[in-house]
C-alpha atoms as a PDB file:
ATOM      1  CA  MET A   1      67.122  59.589 -34.380  1.00  0.00           C
ATOM      2  CA  VAL A   2      66.444  56.061 -35.414  1.00  0.00           C
ATOM      3  CA  MET A   3      69.530  54.569 -37.138  1.00  0.00           C
ATOM      4  CA  ASN A   4      69.121  53.593 -40.821  1.00  0.00           C
ATOM      5  CA  ASN A   5      71.005  52.253 -43.792  1.00  0.00           C
ATOM      6  CA  TYR A   6      69.586  54.786 -46.269  1.00  0.00           C
ATOM      7  CA  SER A   7      71.634  57.553 -47.964  1.00  0.00           C
ATOM      8  CA  GLN A   8      71.515  61.076 -46.602  1.00  0.00           C
ATOM      9  CA  GLY A   9      73.358  64.044 -47.761  1.00  0.00           C
ATOM     10  CA  GLY A  10      75.726  62.200 -50.187  1.00  0.00           C
ATOM     11  CA  SER A  11      76.217  59.132 -47.917  1.00  0.00           C
ATOM     12  CA  PRO A  12      77.228  56.010 -49.971  1.00  0.00           C
ATOM     13  CA  ALA A  13      74.386  53.959 -48.327  1.00  0.00           C
ATOM     14  CA  ARG A  14      71.640  52.572 -50.445  1.00  0.00           C
ATOM     15  CA  ARG A  15      68.395  54.421 -51.276  1.00  0.00           C
ATOM     16  CA  LEU A  16      64.976  53.535 -50.115  1.00  0.00           C
ATOM     17  CA  ARG A  17      62.802  51.805 -52.723  1.00  0.00           C
ATOM     18  CA  ALA A  18      59.417  53.583 -52.768  1.00  0.00           C
ATOM     19  CA  GLY A  19      56.356  53.199 -55.046  1.00  0.00           C
ATOM     20  CA  VAL A  20      53.653  55.839 -55.686  1.00  0.00           C
ATOM     21  CA  VAL A  21      50.162  54.690 -56.877  1.00  0.00           C
ATOM     22  CA  GLY A  22      47.709  57.401 -58.013  1.00  0.00           C
ATOM     23  CA  TYR A  23      50.360  59.767 -59.300  1.00  0.00           C
ATOM     24  CA  THR A  24      48.172  61.621 -61.813  1.00  0.00           C
ATOM     25  CA  GLY A  25      46.024  63.475 -59.288  1.00  0.00           C
ATOM     26  CA  TYR A  26      47.008  66.732 -57.571  1.00  0.00           C
ATOM     27  CA  SER A  27      48.334  65.106 -54.405  1.00  0.00           C
ATOM     28  CA  GLY A  28      49.977  62.318 -56.364  1.00  0.00           C
ATOM     29  CA  ALA A  29      51.730  64.814 -58.718  1.00  0.00           C
ATOM     30  CA  GLU A  30      52.987  66.651 -55.682  1.00  0.00           C
ATOM     31  CA  LEU A  31      54.335  63.396 -54.272  1.00  0.00           C
ATOM     32  CA  VAL A  32      56.191  62.745 -57.486  1.00  0.00           C
ATOM     33  CA  ARG A  33      57.699  66.263 -57.392  1.00  0.00           C
ATOM     34  CA  LEU A  34      58.942  65.784 -53.797  1.00  0.00           C
ATOM     35  CA  LEU A  35      60.145  62.175 -54.008  1.00  0.00           C
ATOM     36  CA  ALA A  36      61.796  62.659 -57.393  1.00  0.00           C
ATOM     37  CA  GLY A  37      64.100  65.027 -55.636  1.00  0.00           C
ATOM     38  CA  HIS A  38      64.477  63.124 -52.367  1.00  0.00           C
ATOM     39  CA  PRO A  39      68.135  62.164 -51.823  1.00  0.00           C
ATOM     40  CA  SER A  40      67.294  58.899 -49.965  1.00  0.00           C
ATOM     41  CA  VAL A  41      64.512  57.597 -52.361  1.00  0.00           C
ATOM     42  CA  GLU A  42      64.512  55.486 -55.444  1.00  0.00           C
ATOM     43  CA  LEU A  43      61.104  56.179 -57.039  1.00  0.00           C
ATOM     44  CA  LEU A  44      58.837  53.832 -58.949  1.00  0.00           C
ATOM     45  CA  LEU A  45      55.525  55.036 -60.399  1.00  0.00           C
ATOM     46  CA  LEU A  46      52.828  52.343 -60.337  1.00  0.00           C
ATOM     47  CA  ASP A  47      49.797  52.649 -62.555  1.00  0.00           C
ATOM     48  CA  HIS A  48      46.821  50.787 -61.104  1.00  0.00           C
ATOM     49  CA  ARG A  49      44.317  51.701 -63.848  1.00  0.00           C
ATOM     50  CA  ARG A  50      43.097  49.608 -66.709  1.00  0.00           C
ATOM     51  CA  ALA A  51      45.027  50.109 -69.934  1.00  0.00           C
ATOM     52  CA  ASP A  52      42.051  51.754 -71.616  1.00  0.00           C
ATOM     53  CA  ASP A  53      41.923  54.342 -68.807  1.00  0.00           C
ATOM     54  CA  ALA A  54      45.623  55.146 -68.957  1.00  0.00           C
ATOM     55  CA  ARG A  55      45.481  57.895 -71.586  1.00  0.00           C
ATOM     56  CA  SER A  56      48.605  59.989 -71.939  1.00  0.00           C
ATOM     57  CA  ASP A  57      46.719  63.173 -71.558  1.00  0.00           C
ATOM     58  CA  THR A  58      45.943  62.371 -67.834  1.00  0.00           C
ATOM     59  CA  HIS A  59      49.647  62.238 -66.993  1.00  0.00           C
ATOM     60  CA  PRO A  60      51.369  65.607 -67.952  1.00  0.00           C
ATOM     61  CA  VAL A  61      51.243  67.306 -64.500  1.00  0.00           C
ATOM     62  CA  SER A  62      52.729  64.371 -62.653  1.00  0.00           C
ATOM     63  CA  LEU A  63      55.269  63.217 -65.228  1.00  0.00           C
ATOM     64  CA  ALA A  64      56.560  66.680 -65.730  1.00  0.00           C
ATOM     65  CA  ALA A  65      57.658  66.627 -62.122  1.00  0.00           C
ATOM     66  CA  ALA A  66      59.498  63.413 -62.508  1.00  0.00           C
ATOM     67  CA  PRO A  67      62.972  63.094 -64.146  1.00  0.00           C
ATOM     68  CA  PRO A  68      63.106  61.084 -67.395  1.00  0.00           C
ATOM     69  CA  ALA A  69      64.851  58.187 -65.561  1.00  0.00           C
ATOM     70  CA  THR A  70      61.989  57.639 -63.130  1.00  0.00           C
ATOM     71  CA  ALA A  71      60.764  54.060 -63.538  1.00  0.00           C
ATOM     72  CA  HIS A  72      57.171  53.059 -64.339  1.00  0.00           C
ATOM     73  CA  ALA A  73      55.354  49.813 -63.857  1.00  0.00           C
ATOM     74  CA  SER A  74      51.827  48.486 -63.880  1.00  0.00           C
ATOM     75  CA  TRP A  75      50.308  47.545 -60.503  1.00  0.00           C
ATOM     76  CA  SER A  76      49.716  43.950 -59.817  1.00  0.00           C
ATOM     77  CA  GLY A  77      49.294  41.868 -56.663  1.00  0.00           C
ATOM     78  CA  GLY A  78      52.921  40.892 -56.831  1.00  0.00           C
ATOM     79  CA  ALA A  79      54.266  44.364 -57.615  1.00  0.00           C
ATOM     80  CA  VAL A  80      55.730  44.938 -54.113  1.00  0.00           C
ATOM     81  CA  ARG A  81      57.867  41.858 -54.158  1.00  0.00           C
ATOM     82  CA  GLU A  82      58.630  42.048 -57.847  1.00  0.00           C
ATOM     83  CA  HIS A  83      60.143  45.420 -57.468  1.00  0.00           C
ATOM     84  CA  GLN A  84      61.422  44.929 -53.970  1.00  0.00           C
ATOM     85  CA  LEU A  85      59.518  47.946 -52.626  1.00  0.00           C
ATOM     86  CA  GLU A  86      59.937  48.907 -48.956  1.00  0.00           C
ATOM     87  CA  VAL A  87      57.105  51.462 -48.886  1.00  0.00           C
ATOM     88  CA  VAL A  88      54.261  52.325 -51.184  1.00  0.00           C
ATOM     89  CA  LEU A  89      52.351  55.641 -50.993  1.00  0.00           C
ATOM     90  CA  THR A  90      48.748  55.513 -52.278  1.00  0.00           C
ATOM     91  CA  ALA A  91      47.249  58.792 -53.446  1.00  0.00           C
ATOM     92  CA  THR A  92      44.045  57.141 -54.484  1.00  0.00           C
ATOM     93  CA  PRO A  93      40.384  57.409 -53.642  1.00  0.00           C
ATOM     94  CA  PRO A  94      39.298  55.481 -50.434  1.00  0.00           C
ATOM     95  CA  GLU A  95      37.679  52.714 -52.324  1.00  0.00           C
ATOM     96  CA  VAL A  96      40.818  52.037 -54.358  1.00  0.00           C
ATOM     97  CA  SER A  97      43.094  52.322 -51.253  1.00  0.00           C
ATOM     98  CA  LEU A  98      40.933  49.674 -49.582  1.00  0.00           C
ATOM     99  CA  ASP A  99      41.790  47.314 -52.421  1.00  0.00           C
ATOM    100  CA  LEU A 100      45.504  48.152 -52.720  1.00  0.00           C
ATOM    101  CA  VAL A 101      46.729  48.641 -49.152  1.00  0.00           C
ATOM    102  CA  PRO A 102      46.082  45.075 -47.933  1.00  0.00           C
ATOM    103  CA  GLU A 103      48.023  43.769 -50.989  1.00  0.00           C
ATOM    104  CA  ILE A 104      50.914  46.241 -50.146  1.00  0.00           C
ATOM    105  CA  LEU A 105      51.153  44.985 -46.546  1.00  0.00           C
ATOM    106  CA  ALA A 106      50.858  41.333 -47.666  1.00  0.00           C
ATOM    107  CA  GLY A 107      53.813  41.916 -49.984  1.00  0.00           C
ATOM    108  CA  GLY A 108      56.007  42.971 -47.122  1.00  0.00           C
ATOM    109  CA  ALA A 109      56.081  46.731 -47.656  1.00  0.00           C
ATOM    110  CA  ARG A 110      54.915  49.446 -45.413  1.00  0.00           C
ATOM    111  CA  ALA A 111      52.025  51.765 -46.637  1.00  0.00           C
ATOM    112  CA  ILE A 112      51.341  55.473 -46.436  1.00  0.00           C
ATOM    113  CA  ASP A 113      47.742  56.072 -47.640  1.00  0.00           C
ATOM    114  CA  LEU A 114      46.622  59.628 -48.479  1.00  0.00           C
ATOM    115  CA  SER A 115      43.008  58.824 -48.649  1.00  0.00           C
ATOM    116  CA  GLY A 116      40.486  58.660 -45.810  1.00  0.00           C
ATOM    117  CA  ALA A 117      40.282  54.845 -45.978  1.00  0.00           C
ATOM    118  CA  PHE A 118      42.166  54.233 -42.714  1.00  0.00           C
ATOM    119  CA  ARG A 119      41.973  57.519 -40.742  1.00  0.00           C
ATOM    120  CA  LEU A 120      38.930  56.638 -38.594  1.00  0.00           C
ATOM    121  CA  PRO A 121      39.050  54.060 -35.792  1.00  0.00           C
ATOM    122  CA  SER A 122      35.859  52.220 -36.454  1.00  0.00           C
ATOM    123  CA  THR A 123      33.585  50.877 -39.286  1.00  0.00           C
ATOM    124  CA  GLU A 124      30.705  52.809 -37.747  1.00  0.00           C
ATOM    125  CA  GLN A 125      32.420  56.169 -38.133  1.00  0.00           C
ATOM    126  CA  TYR A 126      33.484  55.300 -41.557  1.00  0.00           C
ATOM    127  CA  GLN A 127      30.008  54.271 -42.620  1.00  0.00           C
ATOM    128  CA  ARG A 128      28.545  57.507 -41.217  1.00  0.00           C
ATOM    129  CA  TRP A 129      31.067  60.020 -42.723  1.00  0.00           C
ATOM    130  CA  TYR A 130      32.007  58.354 -45.936  1.00  0.00           C
ATOM    131  CA  GLY A 131      28.639  56.677 -46.688  1.00  0.00           C
ATOM    132  CA  ALA A 132      30.128  53.285 -47.403  1.00  0.00           C
ATOM    133  CA  SER A 133      31.014  50.073 -45.672  1.00  0.00           C
ATOM    134  CA  HIS A 134      34.653  49.429 -44.815  1.00  0.00           C
ATOM    135  CA  SER A 135      36.023  46.192 -46.314  1.00  0.00           C
ATOM    136  CA  HIS A 136      39.050  45.845 -44.123  1.00  0.00           C
ATOM    137  CA  PRO A 137      38.129  46.684 -40.487  1.00  0.00           C
ATOM    138  CA  GLU A 138      41.069  44.676 -39.183  1.00  0.00           C
ATOM    139  CA  LEU A 139      43.431  47.429 -40.608  1.00  0.00           C
ATOM    140  CA  LEU A 140      41.690  50.287 -38.761  1.00  0.00           C
ATOM    141  CA  ALA A 141      43.222  49.174 -35.507  1.00  0.00           C
ATOM    142  CA  GLN A 142      46.586  48.737 -37.137  1.00  0.00           C
ATOM    143  CA  ALA A 143      46.645  52.145 -38.778  1.00  0.00           C
ATOM    144  CA  VAL A 144      48.534  54.990 -37.157  1.00  0.00           C
ATOM    145  CA  TYR A 145      47.282  58.560 -37.801  1.00  0.00           C
ATOM    146  CA  GLY A 146      50.133  60.289 -39.574  1.00  0.00           C
ATOM    147  CA  LEU A 147      50.412  63.623 -37.904  1.00  0.00           C
ATOM    148  CA  PRO A 148      54.112  63.624 -36.671  1.00  0.00           C
ATOM    149  CA  GLU A 149      53.607  66.619 -34.391  1.00  0.00           C
ATOM    150  CA  LEU A 150      51.308  64.430 -32.285  1.00  0.00           C
ATOM    151  CA  HIS A 151      52.052  60.744 -33.077  1.00  0.00           C
ATOM    152  CA  ARG A 152      55.825  60.784 -34.095  1.00  0.00           C
ATOM    153  CA  GLU A 153      56.788  57.737 -31.910  1.00  0.00           C
ATOM    154  CA  ALA A 154      53.976  55.526 -33.125  1.00  0.00           C
ATOM    155  CA  ILE A 155      54.678  56.502 -36.751  1.00  0.00           C
ATOM    156  CA  ARG A 156      58.283  55.209 -36.431  1.00  0.00           C
ATOM    157  CA  THR A 157      57.232  51.612 -36.109  1.00  0.00           C
ATOM    158  CA  ALA A 158      54.007  51.700 -38.048  1.00  0.00           C
ATOM    159  CA  CYS A 159      53.369  49.429 -41.023  1.00  0.00           C
ATOM    160  CA  LEU A 160      50.361  51.481 -42.208  1.00  0.00           C
ATOM    161  CA  VAL A 161      50.169  55.234 -41.812  1.00  0.00           C
ATOM    162  CA  ALA A 162      46.946  57.096 -42.530  1.00  0.00           C
ATOM    163  CA  ASN A 163      47.951  60.455 -43.902  1.00  0.00           C
ATOM    164  CA  PRO A 164      45.717  63.112 -42.349  1.00  0.00           C
ATOM    165  CA  GLY A 165      43.245  65.234 -44.313  1.00  0.00           C
ATOM    166  CA  CYS A 166      44.239  68.793 -45.102  1.00  0.00           C
ATOM    167  CA  TYR A 167      41.576  70.552 -43.011  1.00  0.00           C
ATOM    168  CA  PRO A 168      42.205  68.335 -39.901  1.00  0.00           C
ATOM    169  CA  THR A 169      45.967  69.045 -40.199  1.00  0.00           C
ATOM    170  CA  ALA A 170      45.295  72.826 -39.970  1.00  0.00           C
ATOM    171  CA  ALA A 171      42.707  72.459 -37.159  1.00  0.00           C
ATOM    172  CA  ILE A 172      44.509  69.991 -35.015  1.00  0.00           C
ATOM    173  CA  CYS A 173      47.782  71.850 -35.161  1.00  0.00           C
ATOM    174  CA  ALA A 174      45.983  75.042 -34.137  1.00  0.00           C
ATOM    175  CA  LEU A 175      43.991  73.598 -31.224  1.00  0.00           C
ATOM    176  CA  TRP A 176      45.945  70.673 -29.818  1.00  0.00           C
ATOM    177  CA  PRO A 177      48.338  72.684 -27.596  1.00  0.00           C
ATOM    178  CA  LEU A 178      45.379  74.349 -25.858  1.00  0.00           C
ATOM    179  CA  LEU A 179      43.292  71.266 -25.374  1.00  0.00           C
ATOM    180  CA  GLU A 180      46.228  69.094 -24.348  1.00  0.00           C
ATOM    181  CA  ALA A 181      46.890  71.614 -21.543  1.00  0.00           C
ATOM    182  CA  ASP A 182      43.155  71.760 -20.645  1.00  0.00           C
ATOM    183  CA  TRP A 183      43.117  75.574 -21.237  1.00  0.00           C
ATOM    184  CA  VAL A 184      39.761  75.599 -23.177  1.00  0.00           C
ATOM    185  CA  ASP A 185      36.306  76.212 -21.798  1.00  0.00           C
ATOM    186  CA  ARG A 186      34.775  73.460 -23.858  1.00  0.00           C
ATOM    187  CA  ALA A 187      31.256  74.226 -22.772  1.00  0.00           C
ATOM    188  CA  ALA A 188      31.579  77.515 -24.762  1.00  0.00           C
ATOM    189  CA  GLY A 189      32.113  75.563 -27.893  1.00  0.00           C
ATOM    190  CA  ILE A 190      34.954  75.634 -30.472  1.00  0.00           C
ATOM    191  CA  VAL A 191      34.499  77.087 -33.870  1.00  0.00           C
ATOM    192  CA  CYS A 192      36.718  76.435 -36.934  1.00  0.00           C
ATOM    193  CA  ASP A 193      36.037  78.594 -40.009  1.00  0.00           C
ATOM    194  CA  ALA A 194      38.239  77.192 -42.806  1.00  0.00           C
ATOM    195  CA  LYS A 195      38.879  78.163 -46.424  1.00  0.00           C
ATOM    196  CA  SER A 196      40.670  76.097 -49.005  1.00  0.00           C
ATOM    197  CA  GLY A 197      41.786  76.416 -52.664  1.00  0.00           C
ATOM    198  CA  VAL A 198      40.146  74.315 -55.389  1.00  0.00           C
ATOM    199  CA  THR A 199      42.754  71.557 -55.476  1.00  0.00           C
ATOM    200  CA  GLY A 200      41.416  70.467 -52.106  1.00  0.00           C
ATOM    201  CA  ALA A 201      38.411  69.032 -54.023  1.00  0.00           C
ATOM    202  CA  GLY A 202      40.552  66.753 -56.096  1.00  0.00           C
ATOM    203  CA  LYS A 203      41.238  66.449 -59.735  1.00  0.00           C
ATOM    204  CA  ALA A 204      37.888  64.885 -60.866  1.00  0.00           C
ATOM    205  CA  PRO A 205      35.727  67.534 -62.431  1.00  0.00           C
ATOM    206  CA  SER A 206      32.412  68.538 -60.867  1.00  0.00           C
ATOM    207  CA  PRO A 207      29.910  71.389 -61.191  1.00  0.00           C
ATOM    208  CA  LYS A 208      31.139  72.855 -57.906  1.00  0.00           C
ATOM    209  CA  THR A 209      34.721  73.141 -59.128  1.00  0.00           C
ATOM    210  CA  HIS A 210      34.025  74.274 -62.633  1.00  0.00           C
ATOM    211  CA  PHE A 211      35.848  77.495 -63.455  1.00  0.00           C
ATOM    212  CA  VAL A 212      32.637  79.456 -64.065  1.00  0.00           C
ATOM    213  CA  GLN A 213      31.313  78.401 -60.705  1.00  0.00           C
ATOM    214  CA  VAL A 214      34.528  79.090 -58.738  1.00  0.00           C
ATOM    215  CA  ALA A 215      35.900  82.205 -60.313  1.00  0.00           C
ATOM    216  CA  ASP A 216      34.931  85.475 -58.575  1.00  0.00           C
ATOM    217  CA  ASN A 217      32.967  83.435 -56.061  1.00  0.00           C
ATOM    218  CA  PHE A 218      33.159  82.292 -52.449  1.00  0.00           C
ATOM    219  CA  SER A 219      31.007  79.557 -50.933  1.00  0.00           C
ATOM    220  CA  ALA A 220      30.566  77.274 -47.928  1.00  0.00           C
ATOM    221  CA  TYR A 221      29.931  73.543 -48.341  1.00  0.00           C
ATOM    222  CA  ALA A 222      29.244  70.339 -46.322  1.00  0.00           C
ATOM    223  CA  ILE A 223      28.262  72.422 -43.325  1.00  0.00           C
ATOM    224  CA  LEU A 224      28.490  70.298 -40.149  1.00  0.00           C
ATOM    225  CA  GLN A 225      28.778  67.206 -42.420  1.00  0.00           C
ATOM    226  CA  HIS A 226      32.306  67.466 -43.727  1.00  0.00           C
ATOM    227  CA  ARG A 227      34.074  63.993 -43.664  1.00  0.00           C
ATOM    228  CA  HIS A 228      37.175  65.587 -42.126  1.00  0.00           C
ATOM    229  CA  VAL A 229      35.341  66.503 -38.935  1.00  0.00           C
ATOM    230  CA  PRO A 230      35.787  63.073 -37.172  1.00  0.00           C
ATOM    231  CA  GLU A 231      39.579  63.322 -37.651  1.00  0.00           C
ATOM    232  CA  VAL A 232      39.599  66.430 -35.565  1.00  0.00           C
ATOM    233  CA  LEU A 233      37.278  65.020 -32.944  1.00  0.00           C
ATOM    234  CA  ASN A 234      39.265  61.832 -32.554  1.00  0.00           C
ATOM    235  CA  ASN A 235      42.634  63.426 -32.238  1.00  0.00           C
ATOM    236  CA  LEU A 236      41.534  66.172 -29.820  1.00  0.00           C
ATOM    237  CA  ASN A 237      39.247  63.944 -27.800  1.00  0.00           C
ATOM    238  CA  LEU A 238      36.254  66.196 -28.440  1.00  0.00           C
ATOM    239  CA  PRO A 239      32.552  65.279 -28.618  1.00  0.00           C
ATOM    240  CA  GLU A 240      30.917  66.402 -31.778  1.00  0.00           C
ATOM    241  CA  ALA A 241      28.626  68.856 -29.959  1.00  0.00           C
ATOM    242  CA  GLU A 242      31.659  70.974 -28.819  1.00  0.00           C
ATOM    243  CA  PHE A 243      33.070  71.519 -32.288  1.00  0.00           C
ATOM    244  CA  SER A 244      31.551  73.500 -35.210  1.00  0.00           C
ATOM    245  CA  PHE A 245      33.400  73.295 -38.465  1.00  0.00           C
ATOM    246  CA  THR A 246      32.546  75.006 -41.818  1.00  0.00           C
ATOM    247  CA  ALA A 247      34.569  74.604 -45.024  1.00  0.00           C
ATOM    248  CA  HIS A 248      34.675  77.298 -47.628  1.00  0.00           C
ATOM    249  CA  LEU A 249      35.900  77.148 -51.235  1.00  0.00           C
ATOM    250  CA  LEU A 250      38.288  79.948 -52.312  1.00  0.00           C
ATOM    251  CA  PRO A 251      38.714  80.946 -55.943  1.00  0.00           C
ATOM    252  CA  ILE A 252      42.446  80.054 -55.700  1.00  0.00           C
ATOM    253  CA  PRO A 253      44.322  76.844 -56.740  1.00  0.00           C
ATOM    254  CA  ARG A 254      45.820  75.819 -53.369  1.00  0.00           C
ATOM    255  CA  GLY A 255      46.287  76.758 -49.805  1.00  0.00           C
ATOM    256  CA  ILE A 256      44.163  76.646 -46.523  1.00  0.00           C
ATOM    257  CA  LEU A 257      43.543  79.356 -44.001  1.00  0.00           C
ATOM    258  CA  ALA A 258      41.617  78.279 -40.933  1.00  0.00           C
ATOM    259  CA  THR A 259      40.382  80.556 -38.143  1.00  0.00           C
ATOM    260  CA  HIS A 260      39.561  79.026 -34.725  1.00  0.00           C
ATOM    261  CA  TYR A 261      37.521  80.718 -32.003  1.00  0.00           C
ATOM    262  CA  VAL A 262      37.908  79.424 -28.483  1.00  0.00           C
ATOM    263  CA  ARG A 263      37.213  80.622 -24.884  1.00  0.00           C
ATOM    264  CA  LEU A 264      39.815  79.917 -22.199  1.00  0.00           C
ATOM    265  CA  ARG A 265      38.971  78.617 -18.781  1.00  0.00           C
ATOM    266  CA  GLN A 266      41.118  81.308 -17.035  1.00  0.00           C
ATOM    267  CA  PRO A 267      42.544  84.705 -18.038  1.00  0.00           C
ATOM    268  CA  VAL A 268      46.086  84.463 -19.504  1.00  0.00           C
ATOM    269  CA  THR A 269      48.577  86.762 -21.161  1.00  0.00           C
ATOM    270  CA  ILE A 270      49.615  86.465 -24.762  1.00  0.00           C
ATOM    271  CA  GLU A 271      53.122  85.603 -23.572  1.00  0.00           C
ATOM    272  CA  GLN A 272      51.677  82.607 -21.802  1.00  0.00           C
ATOM    273  CA  VAL A 273      49.828  81.552 -24.959  1.00  0.00           C
ATOM    274  CA  HIS A 274      52.967  81.723 -27.037  1.00  0.00           C
ATOM    275  CA  GLN A 275      54.918  79.778 -24.496  1.00  0.00           C
ATOM    276  CA  ARG A 276      52.228  77.042 -24.427  1.00  0.00           C
ATOM    277  CA  TYR A 277      52.666  76.650 -28.241  1.00  0.00           C
ATOM    278  CA  ARG A 278      56.481  76.743 -28.024  1.00  0.00           C
ATOM    279  CA  ASP A 279      56.379  74.042 -25.343  1.00  0.00           C
ATOM    280  CA  ALA A 280      53.954  71.899 -27.327  1.00  0.00           C
ATOM    281  CA  TYR A 281      55.877  72.105 -30.532  1.00  0.00           C
ATOM    282  CA  ARG A 282      59.392  71.968 -29.207  1.00  0.00           C
ATOM    283  CA  GLY A 283      61.503  70.254 -31.819  1.00  0.00           C
ATOM    284  CA  ALA A 284      58.754  70.368 -34.458  1.00  0.00           C
ATOM    285  CA  SER A 285      60.474  71.388 -37.669  1.00  0.00           C
ATOM    286  CA  PHE A 286      57.329  72.507 -39.564  1.00  0.00           C
ATOM    287  CA  ILE A 287      55.424  74.580 -37.071  1.00  0.00           C
ATOM    288  CA  ARG A 288      56.020  78.357 -37.295  1.00  0.00           C
ATOM    289  CA  LEU A 289      54.489  80.541 -34.583  1.00  0.00           C
ATOM    290  CA  TYR A 290      53.982  84.111 -35.808  1.00  0.00           C
ATOM    291  CA  PRO A 291      54.706  87.064 -33.469  1.00  0.00           C
ATOM    292  CA  GLN A 292      51.913  89.501 -32.718  1.00  0.00           C
ATOM    293  CA  GLY A 293      52.958  91.850 -35.584  1.00  0.00           C
ATOM    294  CA  GLY A 294      52.720  89.135 -38.278  1.00  0.00           C
ATOM    295  CA  GLN A 295      49.891  87.253 -39.973  1.00  0.00           C
ATOM    296  CA  PRO A 296      49.863  83.893 -41.720  1.00  0.00           C
ATOM    297  CA  GLN A 297      49.059  84.119 -45.411  1.00  0.00           C
ATOM    298  CA  VAL A 298      48.451  81.449 -48.043  1.00  0.00           C
ATOM    299  CA  ARG A 299      51.095  82.818 -50.332  1.00  0.00           C
ATOM    300  CA  LEU A 300      53.733  82.397 -47.573  1.00  0.00           C
ATOM    301  CA  VAL A 301      53.063  78.631 -47.011  1.00  0.00           C
ATOM    302  CA  ASN A 302      52.265  77.461 -50.515  1.00  0.00           C
ATOM    303  CA  GLY A 303      54.887  75.148 -51.823  1.00  0.00           C
ATOM    304  CA  THR A 304      56.240  74.424 -48.263  1.00  0.00           C
ATOM    305  CA  ASN A 305      55.577  71.957 -45.534  1.00  0.00           C
ATOM    306  CA  TYR A 306      54.957  74.567 -42.896  1.00  0.00           C
ATOM    307  CA  CYS A 307      51.943  74.987 -40.693  1.00  0.00           C
ATOM    308  CA  ASP A 308      51.943  78.656 -39.716  1.00  0.00           C
ATOM    309  CA  LEU A 309      50.126  79.755 -36.556  1.00  0.00           C
ATOM    310  CA  HIS A 310      49.081  83.089 -35.028  1.00  0.00           C
ATOM    311  CA  CYS A 311      47.212  83.792 -31.835  1.00  0.00           C
ATOM    312  CA  THR A 312      45.195  86.900 -30.884  1.00  0.00           C
ATOM    313  CA  LEU A 313      43.946  87.310 -27.341  1.00  0.00           C
ATOM    314  CA  GLY A 314      40.853  89.474 -26.511  1.00  0.00           C
ATOM    315  CA  VAL A 315      40.913  92.282 -24.007  1.00  0.00           C
ATOM    316  CA  ASP A 316      39.132  89.950 -21.508  1.00  0.00           C
ATOM    317  CA  ARG A 317      42.220  87.731 -21.832  1.00  0.00           C
ATOM    318  CA  GLN A 318      39.963  84.673 -22.342  1.00  0.00           C
ATOM    319  CA  ARG A 319      38.802  85.060 -25.873  1.00  0.00           C
ATOM    320  CA  LEU A 320      41.392  83.555 -28.172  1.00  0.00           C
ATOM    321  CA  VAL A 321      41.473  83.467 -31.963  1.00  0.00           C
ATOM    322  CA  VAL A 322      44.037  81.090 -33.457  1.00  0.00           C
ATOM    323  CA  VAL A 323      44.821  81.261 -37.246  1.00  0.00           C
ATOM    324  CA  SER A 324      46.474  78.357 -39.075  1.00  0.00           C
ATOM    325  CA  CYS A 325      47.727  78.271 -42.603  1.00  0.00           C
ATOM    326  CA  ILE A 326      49.027  75.358 -44.713  1.00  0.00           C
ATOM    327  CA  ASP A 327      49.472  74.340 -48.327  1.00  0.00           C
ATOM    328  CA  ASN A 328      46.736  71.729 -48.642  1.00  0.00           C
ATOM    329  CA  LEU A 329      48.885  69.780 -51.296  1.00  0.00           C
ATOM    330  CA  VAL A 330      52.066  69.748 -49.138  1.00  0.00           C
ATOM    331  CA  LYS A 331      51.632  69.824 -45.333  1.00  0.00           C
ATOM    332  CA  GLY A 332      47.980  68.862 -46.069  1.00  0.00           C
ATOM    333  CA  ALA A 333      48.865  65.865 -48.302  1.00  0.00           C
ATOM    334  CA  ALA A 334      52.080  64.978 -50.089  1.00  0.00           C
ATOM    335  CA  GLY A 335      54.575  66.866 -47.975  1.00  0.00           C
ATOM    336  CA  GLN A 336      53.117  65.314 -44.830  1.00  0.00           C
ATOM    337  CA  ALA A 337      53.391  61.869 -46.408  1.00  0.00           C
ATOM    338  CA  VAL A 338      57.047  62.488 -47.157  1.00  0.00           C
ATOM    339  CA  GLN A 339      57.527  63.673 -43.538  1.00  0.00           C
ATOM    340  CA  ASN A 340      55.895  60.444 -42.451  1.00  0.00           C
ATOM    341  CA  LEU A 341      58.147  58.365 -44.755  1.00  0.00           C
ATOM    342  CA  ASN A 342      61.171  60.105 -43.197  1.00  0.00           C
ATOM    343  CA  VAL A 343      60.022  59.317 -39.636  1.00  0.00           C
ATOM    344  CA  MET A 344      59.178  55.722 -40.500  1.00  0.00           C
ATOM    345  CA  PHE A 345      62.677  55.007 -41.981  1.00  0.00           C
ATOM    346  CA  GLY A 346      64.757  56.877 -39.574  1.00  0.00           C
ATOM    347  CA  LEU A 347      65.636  59.750 -41.833  1.00  0.00           C
ATOM    348  CA  GLU A 348      65.926  63.407 -40.807  1.00  0.00           C
ATOM    349  CA  GLU A 349      62.317  64.625 -40.827  1.00  0.00           C
ATOM    350  CA  THR A 350      63.068  67.542 -43.167  1.00  0.00           C
ATOM    351  CA  THR A 351      64.791  65.463 -45.829  1.00  0.00           C
ATOM    352  CA  GLY A 352      63.457  66.112 -49.362  1.00  0.00           C
ATOM    353  CA  LEU A 353      60.974  68.755 -48.134  1.00  0.00           C
ATOM    354  CA  PRO A 354      60.827  72.372 -49.263  1.00  0.00           C
ATOM    355  CA  SER A 355      61.186  75.147 -46.628  1.00  0.00           C
END
């Protein structure tokens, strides 16, 4: 483990000064809940909005999770230096993150961004999938994709970590061990059928997330056009033609269950499959591989930072179905951001995270 000077488990060492911007959304509120109880963090909530937008009725979910002593401040260009912040976590829309992150880095702090602003490697990809130009292309090469199970060593020294999307977290964790070992018959194609709770759509209201539309309903959206797709392709080194992804909206508040269908290049046994996953995720604190008798369920991961995996092998020993399950607000957002913070500052990876 990287040595550090931050307190852990009652150590008298000082605490890490961390700021959170965008704490009134669902992911931001989850960040406040986790960091307010983190033993190594001194938390500051930074409000980046104009005063006329900062109505008290937008804050209750977030502020209820923070102790009364949690400090608040207004964002400014000098906020990082003024408050001696060492890291700032931005749970803001991409266009806001593009404005704030350069200021955070210029102020001398490290940044963990929960938006999609820095997850893709090129301005061309960003333009295609987000439908907007990227105002800071120089930071795309600097950003490290924040999936610790794959990029832990790069995250340790990163100044800018791009926290992954929730769907890509579920898909990459399910598929990476197979592709990394070259087990998959890629010519047969890979299918990911994923379902998410409504908080995955964010806090801003829309006709698609209205209660009347969601309740007692089930629907697909952004078919073959979801902006999370390139994250999966980039991290698994897949061409777009080999990966089919469909997102579905579940009438539940939170949680993701994703089912992946692959064909293997050669027949294997289920014991070999399980060993492949155990080898790939040796030492990974938040990956749980289910035995044959069990099945991942949303209710069993919600509120935790786990990614639960289950594999079923066909009678031909080449058809494989891999189910992954995460809480979209924890392992899919805020929990993973805290996990990244721990790695970046040499803390135990599980510190401050629910199990």
